[in-house]
Amino acid sequence: MAPPDCGSLRADGPLGLASKLQDMLTREQASHRETQHELKIERAAHDDTAERLVEMQQKLEATLQELSNLERFVKGCSACSSVPSNTPPEREPLLKEEAYLQSRLRFVQEELTSSASTAVTRPSSASIGRKGKAAAASPGDDALRA
């Protein structure tokens, strides 16, 4: 490797090279700070997106649970919506409403028993050892409360 040109060293002198190196270092540090700042912004955006994704997933799970509940309810209602053919026309709406209400009552009772059984089997926050923190609600809990 050839030694550096001595003429350029003499012209700039050791202070000139140190000054150039200091300028390069300052630019690199500024570039590094800017990159770090941009990285923080990207991380914050990623975290925000991840939080929104989790929220949307929980809402989707709750909606799917509600749809499942409605589907079971509709299936239960369709079986009891038939009215005898010899029923007078003025009593037909009342009989349909009665059948609907009975079906709805059965549905709600089933939901209450199933939610009560899942609450019994679900461990409490105290048994896990989390003091002072509420147990995390599952996504389907909101659908059951509604």
N, C-alpha and C. Protein backbone atom coordinates (compact mmCIF):
# COMPACT_ATOMS: atom_id res chain seq x y z
N MET A 1 0.85 -1.17 0.00
CA MET A 1 0.00 0.00 0.00
C MET A 1 0.89 1.24 0.00
N ALA A 2 0.59 2.19 -0.80
CA ALA A 2 1.42 3.38 -0.93
C ALA A 2 1.13 4.33 0.22
N PRO A 3 2.17 4.99 0.74
CA PRO A 3 1.95 5.95 1.82
C PRO A 3 1.17 7.15 1.30
N PRO A 4 0.44 7.83 2.17
CA PRO A 4 -0.32 8.99 1.72
C PRO A 4 0.60 10.07 1.18
N ASP A 5 0.05 10.86 0.31
CA ASP A 5 0.81 11.94 -0.32
C ASP A 5 1.23 12.93 0.76
N CYS A 6 2.53 13.08 0.92
CA CYS A 6 3.04 13.97 1.97
C CYS A 6 2.71 15.42 1.69
N GLY A 7 2.57 15.76 0.43
CA GLY A 7 2.24 17.14 0.08
C GLY A 7 0.87 17.54 0.59
N SER A 8 -0.10 16.62 0.51
CA SER A 8 -1.44 16.96 0.97
C SER A 8 -1.47 17.04 2.50
N LEU A 9 -0.64 16.22 3.17
CA LEU A 9 -0.59 16.30 4.62
C LEU A 9 0.00 17.63 5.07
N ARG A 10 1.01 18.06 4.35
CA ARG A 10 1.64 19.33 4.72
C ARG A 10 0.72 20.50 4.44
N ALA A 11 -0.01 20.42 3.33
CA ALA A 11 -0.88 21.54 2.97
C ALA A 11 -2.00 21.70 3.99
N ASP A 12 -2.64 20.57 4.34
CA ASP A 12 -3.75 20.64 5.29
C ASP A 12 -3.22 20.70 6.71
N GLY A 13 -2.17 19.98 6.94
CA GLY A 13 -1.61 19.90 8.28
C GLY A 13 -2.43 18.98 9.15
N PRO A 14 -1.91 18.58 10.28
CA PRO A 14 -2.62 17.68 11.17
C PRO A 14 -3.93 18.29 11.68
N LEU A 15 -3.98 19.57 11.86
CA LEU A 15 -5.22 20.21 12.33
C LEU A 15 -6.30 20.17 11.26
N GLY A 16 -5.92 20.28 10.03
CA GLY A 16 -6.89 20.22 8.92
C GLY A 16 -7.53 18.85 8.83
N LEU A 17 -6.73 17.78 8.98
CA LEU A 17 -7.27 16.42 8.95
C LEU A 17 -8.17 16.16 10.15
N ALA A 18 -7.74 16.62 11.30
CA ALA A 18 -8.55 16.44 12.51
C ALA A 18 -9.88 17.17 12.36
N SER A 19 -9.83 18.32 11.75
CA SER A 19 -11.06 19.09 11.54
C SER A 19 -12.00 18.36 10.59
N LYS A 20 -11.43 17.78 9.51
CA LYS A 20 -12.26 17.02 8.57
C LYS A 20 -12.86 15.79 9.25
N LEU A 21 -12.04 15.09 10.03
CA LEU A 21 -12.53 13.91 10.74
C LEU A 21 -13.62 14.29 11.74
N GLN A 22 -13.43 15.42 12.41
CA GLN A 22 -14.43 15.88 13.37
C GLN A 22 -15.74 16.21 12.66
N ASP A 23 -15.65 16.84 11.50
CA ASP A 23 -16.86 17.14 10.71
C ASP A 23 -17.57 15.86 10.29
N MET A 24 -16.79 14.88 9.83
CA MET A 24 -17.39 13.60 9.43
C MET A 24 -18.07 12.92 10.62
N LEU A 25 -17.40 12.95 11.76
CA LEU A 25 -17.96 12.34 12.97
C LEU A 25 -19.25 13.05 13.37
N THR A 26 -19.27 14.35 13.30
CA THR A 26 -20.47 15.12 13.65
C THR A 26 -21.62 14.78 12.72
N ARG A 27 -21.33 14.69 11.41
CA ARG A 27 -22.38 14.33 10.44
C ARG A 27 -22.90 12.92 10.70
N GLU A 28 -21.99 11.99 10.99
CA GLU A 28 -22.41 10.61 11.29
C GLU A 28 -23.26 10.55 12.55
N GLN A 29 -22.89 11.30 13.56
CA GLN A 29 -23.67 11.32 14.80
C GLN A 29 -25.06 11.91 14.56
N ALA A 30 -25.12 12.97 13.77
CA ALA A 30 -26.42 13.57 13.44
C ALA A 30 -27.27 12.59 12.64
N SER A 31 -26.64 11.91 11.70
CA SER A 31 -27.36 10.91 10.91
C SER A 31 -27.86 9.78 11.80
N HIS A 32 -27.02 9.37 12.76
CA HIS A 32 -27.39 8.30 13.68
C HIS A 32 -28.58 8.74 14.55
N ARG A 33 -28.55 9.97 15.06
CA ARG A 33 -29.67 10.47 15.86
C ARG A 33 -30.96 10.52 15.04
N GLU A 34 -30.85 10.95 13.80
CA GLU A 34 -32.03 11.02 12.93
C GLU A 34 -32.58 9.61 12.68
N THR A 35 -31.69 8.67 12.43
CA THR A 35 -32.11 7.29 12.20
C THR A 35 -32.76 6.72 13.45
N GLN A 36 -32.19 7.00 14.62
CA GLN A 36 -32.78 6.53 15.88
C GLN A 36 -34.18 7.12 16.08
N HIS A 37 -34.33 8.39 15.76
CA HIS A 37 -35.64 9.05 15.88
C HIS A 37 -36.66 8.40 14.94
N GLU A 38 -36.26 8.16 13.70
CA GLU A 38 -37.15 7.51 12.74
C GLU A 38 -37.51 6.10 13.19
N LEU A 39 -36.54 5.40 13.78
CA LEU A 39 -36.80 4.06 14.29
C LEU A 39 -37.81 4.08 15.43
N LYS A 40 -37.71 5.07 16.32
CA LYS A 40 -38.69 5.21 17.40
C LYS A 40 -40.09 5.44 16.84
N ILE A 41 -40.18 6.26 15.81
CA ILE A 41 -41.47 6.53 15.18
C ILE A 41 -42.03 5.26 14.56
N GLU A 42 -41.18 4.51 13.88
CA GLU A 42 -41.62 3.25 13.27
C GLU A 42 -42.07 2.25 14.33
N ARG A 43 -41.33 2.16 15.43
CA ARG A 43 -41.71 1.25 16.51
C ARG A 43 -43.06 1.65 17.11
N ALA A 44 -43.25 2.94 17.32
CA ALA A 44 -44.52 3.42 17.87
C ALA A 44 -45.67 3.10 16.92
N ALA A 45 -45.45 3.29 15.63
CA ALA A 45 -46.48 2.97 14.65
C ALA A 45 -46.76 1.47 14.64
N HIS A 46 -45.72 0.67 14.74
CA HIS A 46 -45.89 -0.78 14.77
C HIS A 46 -46.67 -1.20 16.02
N ASP A 47 -46.32 -0.64 17.17
CA ASP A 47 -47.03 -0.97 18.41
C ASP A 47 -48.49 -0.57 18.32
N ASP A 48 -48.75 0.60 17.76
CA ASP A 48 -50.14 1.06 17.61
C ASP A 48 -50.91 0.13 16.69
N THR A 49 -50.29 -0.27 15.60
CA THR A 49 -50.93 -1.20 14.67
C THR A 49 -51.20 -2.54 15.34
N ALA A 50 -50.25 -3.01 16.11
CA ALA A 50 -50.43 -4.29 16.80
C ALA A 50 -51.57 -4.21 17.82
N GLU A 51 -51.65 -3.10 18.55
CA GLU A 51 -52.74 -2.93 19.51
C GLU A 51 -54.09 -2.91 18.80
N ARG A 52 -54.16 -2.19 17.70
CA ARG A 52 -55.42 -2.14 16.94
C ARG A 52 -55.78 -3.52 16.39
N LEU A 53 -54.78 -4.26 15.96
CA LEU A 53 -55.03 -5.60 15.44
C LEU A 53 -55.60 -6.50 16.53
N VAL A 54 -55.04 -6.41 17.73
CA VAL A 54 -55.54 -7.22 18.85
C VAL A 54 -56.97 -6.81 19.18
N GLU A 55 -57.24 -5.50 19.21
CA GLU A 55 -58.60 -5.03 19.49
C GLU A 55 -59.58 -5.53 18.44
N MET A 56 -59.17 -5.44 17.18
CA MET A 56 -60.05 -5.91 16.10
C MET A 56 -60.28 -7.41 16.21
N GLN A 57 -59.24 -8.16 16.57
CA GLN A 57 -59.39 -9.60 16.72
C GLN A 57 -60.36 -9.92 17.85
N GLN A 58 -60.27 -9.19 18.95
CA GLN A 58 -61.19 -9.41 20.07
C GLN A 58 -62.62 -9.07 19.66
N LYS A 59 -62.79 -7.97 18.94
CA LYS A 59 -64.13 -7.60 18.46
C LYS A 59 -64.66 -8.66 17.51
N LEU A 60 -63.80 -9.17 16.65
CA LEU A 60 -64.21 -10.20 15.71
C LEU A 60 -64.64 -11.46 16.45
N GLU A 61 -63.87 -11.86 17.44
CA GLU A 61 -64.23 -13.05 18.22
C GLU A 61 -65.56 -12.85 18.94
N ALA A 62 -65.78 -11.66 19.49
CA ALA A 62 -67.06 -11.38 20.17
C ALA A 62 -68.20 -11.40 19.16
N THR A 63 -67.97 -10.83 17.98
CA THR A 63 -69.01 -10.82 16.95
C THR A 63 -69.32 -12.24 16.49
N LEU A 64 -68.29 -13.04 16.31
CA LEU A 64 -68.52 -14.43 15.91
C LEU A 64 -69.30 -15.20 16.98
N GLN A 65 -69.00 -14.91 18.23
CA GLN A 65 -69.74 -15.55 19.32
C GLN A 65 -71.21 -15.12 19.29
N GLU A 66 -71.44 -13.82 19.06
CA GLU A 66 -72.82 -13.33 18.97
C GLU A 66 -73.55 -13.97 17.80
N LEU A 67 -72.86 -14.08 16.67
CA LEU A 67 -73.48 -14.72 15.50
C LEU A 67 -73.82 -16.18 15.78
N SER A 68 -72.92 -16.85 16.46
CA SER A 68 -73.18 -18.24 16.83
C SER A 68 -74.40 -18.34 17.74
N ASN A 69 -74.48 -17.43 18.71
CA ASN A 69 -75.64 -17.42 19.60
C ASN A 69 -76.93 -17.14 18.83
N LEU A 70 -76.87 -16.18 17.92
CA LEU A 70 -78.06 -15.85 17.13
C LEU A 70 -78.47 -17.01 16.23
N GLU A 71 -77.48 -17.68 15.66
CA GLU A 71 -77.79 -18.82 14.81
C GLU A 71 -78.49 -19.92 15.59
N ARG A 72 -77.98 -20.21 16.78
CA ARG A 72 -78.65 -21.22 17.62
C ARG A 72 -80.06 -20.77 17.99
N PHE A 73 -80.20 -19.49 18.28
CA PHE A 73 -81.51 -18.96 18.66
C PHE A 73 -82.50 -19.06 17.50
N VAL A 74 -82.05 -18.69 16.30
CA VAL A 74 -82.93 -18.74 15.13
C VAL A 74 -83.33 -20.18 14.83
N LYS A 75 -82.38 -21.10 14.97
CA LYS A 75 -82.73 -22.51 14.76
C LYS A 75 -83.78 -22.95 15.76
N GLY A 76 -83.65 -22.49 17.00
CA GLY A 76 -84.64 -22.83 18.02
C GLY A 76 -86.00 -22.21 17.73
N CYS A 77 -86.00 -21.00 17.17
CA CYS A 77 -87.27 -20.32 16.87
C CYS A 77 -87.97 -20.94 15.67
N SER A 78 -87.22 -21.37 14.69
CA SER A 78 -87.85 -21.89 13.47
C SER A 78 -88.66 -23.15 13.76
N ALA A 79 -88.24 -23.90 14.75
CA ALA A 79 -88.97 -25.13 15.08
C ALA A 79 -90.31 -24.84 15.75
N CYS A 80 -90.42 -23.71 16.43
CA CYS A 80 -91.65 -23.44 17.17
C CYS A 80 -92.50 -22.35 16.54
N SER A 81 -92.20 -21.92 15.33
CA SER A 81 -92.98 -20.85 14.72
C SER A 81 -94.20 -21.36 13.97
N SER A 82 -94.37 -22.67 13.90
CA SER A 82 -95.54 -23.19 13.18
C SER A 82 -96.77 -23.10 14.08
N VAL A 83 -97.86 -22.73 13.47
CA VAL A 83 -99.14 -22.58 14.17
C VAL A 83 -100.10 -23.60 13.57
N PRO A 84 -100.92 -24.25 14.39
CA PRO A 84 -101.89 -25.21 13.84
C PRO A 84 -102.78 -24.56 12.78
N SER A 85 -103.16 -25.35 11.79
CA SER A 85 -103.93 -24.81 10.66
C SER A 85 -105.35 -24.40 11.04
N ASN A 86 -105.92 -24.97 12.07
CA ASN A 86 -107.29 -24.62 12.44
C ASN A 86 -107.36 -23.44 13.40
N THR A 87 -106.27 -22.70 13.56
CA THR A 87 -106.23 -21.55 14.47
C THR A 87 -106.92 -20.35 13.82
N PRO A 88 -107.75 -19.64 14.58
CA PRO A 88 -108.38 -18.43 14.04
C PRO A 88 -107.31 -17.38 13.70
N PRO A 89 -107.52 -16.61 12.66
CA PRO A 89 -106.51 -15.63 12.22
C PRO A 89 -106.14 -14.60 13.29
N GLU A 90 -107.09 -14.23 14.14
CA GLU A 90 -106.77 -13.22 15.15
C GLU A 90 -105.88 -13.78 16.27
N ARG A 91 -105.86 -15.10 16.46
CA ARG A 91 -105.03 -15.70 17.50
C ARG A 91 -103.65 -16.10 16.98
N GLU A 92 -103.50 -16.18 15.68
CA GLU A 92 -102.24 -16.63 15.09
C GLU A 92 -101.04 -15.78 15.53
N PRO A 93 -101.12 -14.43 15.45
CA PRO A 93 -99.96 -13.63 15.89
C PRO A 93 -99.62 -13.84 17.37
N LEU A 94 -100.67 -14.03 18.18
CA LEU A 94 -100.42 -14.24 19.61
C LEU A 94 -99.71 -15.57 19.86
N LEU A 95 -100.11 -16.60 19.14
CA LEU A 95 -99.47 -17.90 19.31
C LEU A 95 -98.01 -17.87 18.83
N LYS A 96 -97.78 -17.16 17.72
CA LYS A 96 -96.41 -17.03 17.22
C LYS A 96 -95.54 -16.26 18.22
N GLU A 97 -96.11 -15.20 18.78
CA GLU A 97 -95.36 -14.42 19.76
C GLU A 97 -95.08 -15.25 21.01
N GLU A 98 -96.06 -16.03 21.44
CA GLU A 98 -95.87 -16.89 22.61
C GLU A 98 -94.76 -17.92 22.34
N ALA A 99 -94.79 -18.52 21.16
CA ALA A 99 -93.76 -19.50 20.81
C ALA A 99 -92.38 -18.84 20.76
N TYR A 100 -92.35 -17.63 20.21
CA TYR A 100 -91.09 -16.89 20.15
C TYR A 100 -90.57 -16.61 21.56
N LEU A 101 -91.43 -16.12 22.43
CA LEU A 101 -91.01 -15.78 23.79
C LEU A 101 -90.55 -17.02 24.57
N GLN A 102 -91.23 -18.13 24.37
CA GLN A 102 -90.80 -19.37 25.04
C GLN A 102 -89.43 -19.82 24.52
N SER A 103 -89.26 -19.70 23.21
CA SER A 103 -87.98 -20.06 22.62
C SER A 103 -86.87 -19.15 23.14
N ARG A 104 -87.17 -17.87 23.20
CA ARG A 104 -86.19 -16.90 23.69
C ARG A 104 -85.84 -17.18 25.16
N LEU A 105 -86.84 -17.52 25.96
CA LEU A 105 -86.62 -17.85 27.36
C LEU A 105 -85.69 -19.06 27.48
N ARG A 106 -85.95 -20.09 26.69
CA ARG A 106 -85.09 -21.27 26.72
C ARG A 106 -83.65 -20.92 26.32
N PHE A 107 -83.55 -20.09 25.28
CA PHE A 107 -82.23 -19.68 24.80
C PHE A 107 -81.46 -18.93 25.89
N VAL A 108 -82.11 -17.97 26.53
CA VAL A 108 -81.45 -17.18 27.56
C VAL A 108 -81.07 -18.06 28.75
N GLN A 109 -81.94 -18.98 29.10
CA GLN A 109 -81.62 -19.89 30.21
C GLN A 109 -80.41 -20.76 29.86
N GLU A 110 -80.35 -21.23 28.62
CA GLU A 110 -79.18 -22.02 28.20
C GLU A 110 -77.91 -21.19 28.25
N GLU A 111 -78.00 -19.94 27.81
CA GLU A 111 -76.83 -19.07 27.84
C GLU A 111 -76.38 -18.81 29.27
N LEU A 112 -77.34 -18.60 30.15
CA LEU A 112 -76.98 -18.36 31.56
C LEU A 112 -76.32 -19.57 32.18
N THR A 113 -76.84 -20.74 31.89
CA THR A 113 -76.22 -21.94 32.47
C THR A 113 -74.85 -22.19 31.87
N SER A 114 -74.69 -21.95 30.57
CA SER A 114 -73.37 -22.16 29.96
C SER A 114 -72.37 -21.12 30.45
N SER A 115 -72.80 -19.86 30.61
CA SER A 115 -71.87 -18.84 31.11
C SER A 115 -71.55 -19.07 32.58
N ALA A 116 -72.51 -19.58 33.35
CA ALA A 116 -72.23 -19.88 34.75
C ALA A 116 -71.24 -21.04 34.86
N SER A 117 -71.37 -22.02 34.00
CA SER A 117 -70.45 -23.16 34.06
C SER A 117 -69.05 -22.76 33.62
N THR A 118 -68.92 -21.86 32.65
CA THR A 118 -67.58 -21.40 32.25
C THR A 118 -66.98 -20.51 33.31
N ALA A 119 -67.81 -19.75 34.04
CA ALA A 119 -67.28 -18.91 35.11
C ALA A 119 -66.75 -19.76 36.25
N VAL A 120 -67.38 -20.90 36.50
CA VAL A 120 -66.93 -21.79 37.57
C VAL A 120 -65.62 -22.46 37.18
N THR A 121 -65.47 -22.85 35.93
CA THR A 121 -64.26 -23.55 35.50
C THR A 121 -63.10 -22.60 35.24
N ARG A 122 -63.36 -21.32 35.02
CA ARG A 122 -62.30 -20.36 34.75
C ARG A 122 -61.62 -19.99 36.07
N PRO A 123 -60.26 -20.07 36.15
CA PRO A 123 -59.57 -19.75 37.41
C PRO A 123 -59.67 -18.26 37.72
N SER A 124 -59.75 -17.95 38.99
CA SER A 124 -59.81 -16.55 39.39
C SER A 124 -58.42 -15.96 39.41
N SER A 125 -58.34 -14.63 39.44
CA SER A 125 -57.03 -13.97 39.43
C SER A 125 -56.29 -14.22 40.73
N ALA A 126 -57.00 -14.42 41.84
CA ALA A 126 -56.33 -14.66 43.12
C ALA A 126 -55.66 -16.03 43.13
N SER A 127 -56.29 -17.02 42.50
CA SER A 127 -55.70 -18.35 42.50
C SER A 127 -54.46 -18.42 41.62
N ILE A 128 -54.36 -17.54 40.66
CA ILE A 128 -53.18 -17.51 39.80
C ILE A 128 -52.05 -16.78 40.51
N GLY A 129 -52.39 -15.88 41.42
CA GLY A 129 -51.36 -15.16 42.15
C GLY A 129 -51.19 -13.73 41.69
N ARG A 130 -52.13 -13.21 40.95
CA ARG A 130 -52.05 -11.82 40.51
C ARG A 130 -52.84 -10.98 41.50
N LYS A 131 -52.16 -10.35 42.40
CA LYS A 131 -52.86 -9.52 43.38
C LYS A 131 -52.95 -8.10 42.85
N GLY A 132 -54.13 -7.52 42.99
CA GLY A 132 -54.32 -6.14 42.58
C GLY A 132 -54.65 -5.98 41.11
N LYS A 133 -54.66 -7.06 40.35
CA LYS A 133 -54.98 -6.98 38.93
C LYS A 133 -56.24 -7.76 38.68
N ALA A 134 -57.09 -7.20 37.84
CA ALA A 134 -58.32 -7.91 37.49
C ALA A 134 -57.99 -8.99 36.48
N ALA A 135 -58.75 -10.05 36.52
CA ALA A 135 -58.55 -11.13 35.55
C ALA A 135 -58.93 -10.61 34.17
N ALA A 136 -58.17 -11.00 33.17
CA ALA A 136 -58.45 -10.55 31.81
C ALA A 136 -59.74 -11.19 31.33
N ALA A 137 -60.61 -10.36 30.76
CA ALA A 137 -61.89 -10.86 30.26
C ALA A 137 -61.67 -11.49 28.90
N SER A 138 -62.34 -12.59 28.68
CA SER A 138 -62.23 -13.22 27.38
C SER A 138 -63.11 -12.47 26.40
N PRO A 139 -62.82 -12.53 25.10
CA PRO A 139 -63.57 -11.78 24.11
C PRO A 139 -65.05 -12.13 24.09
N GLY A 140 -65.42 -13.34 24.44
CA GLY A 140 -66.82 -13.73 24.39
C GLY A 140 -67.62 -13.23 25.58
N ASP A 141 -66.96 -12.71 26.63
CA ASP A 141 -67.67 -12.25 27.81
C ASP A 141 -68.63 -11.11 27.49
N ASP A 142 -68.19 -10.18 26.63
CA ASP A 142 -69.06 -9.07 26.27
C ASP A 142 -70.31 -9.56 25.55
N ALA A 143 -70.16 -10.57 24.72
CA ALA A 143 -71.31 -11.10 23.99
C ALA A 143 -72.28 -11.76 24.94
N LEU A 144 -71.77 -12.40 25.98
CA LEU A 144 -72.64 -13.08 26.93
C LEU A 144 -73.37 -12.08 27.82
N ARG A 145 -72.72 -10.94 28.11
CA ARG A 145 -73.36 -9.93 28.95
C ARG A 145 -74.42 -9.15 28.19
N ALA A 146 -74.28 -9.05 26.86
CA ALA A 146 -75.20 -8.24 26.06
C ALA A 146 -76.57 -8.84 25.96
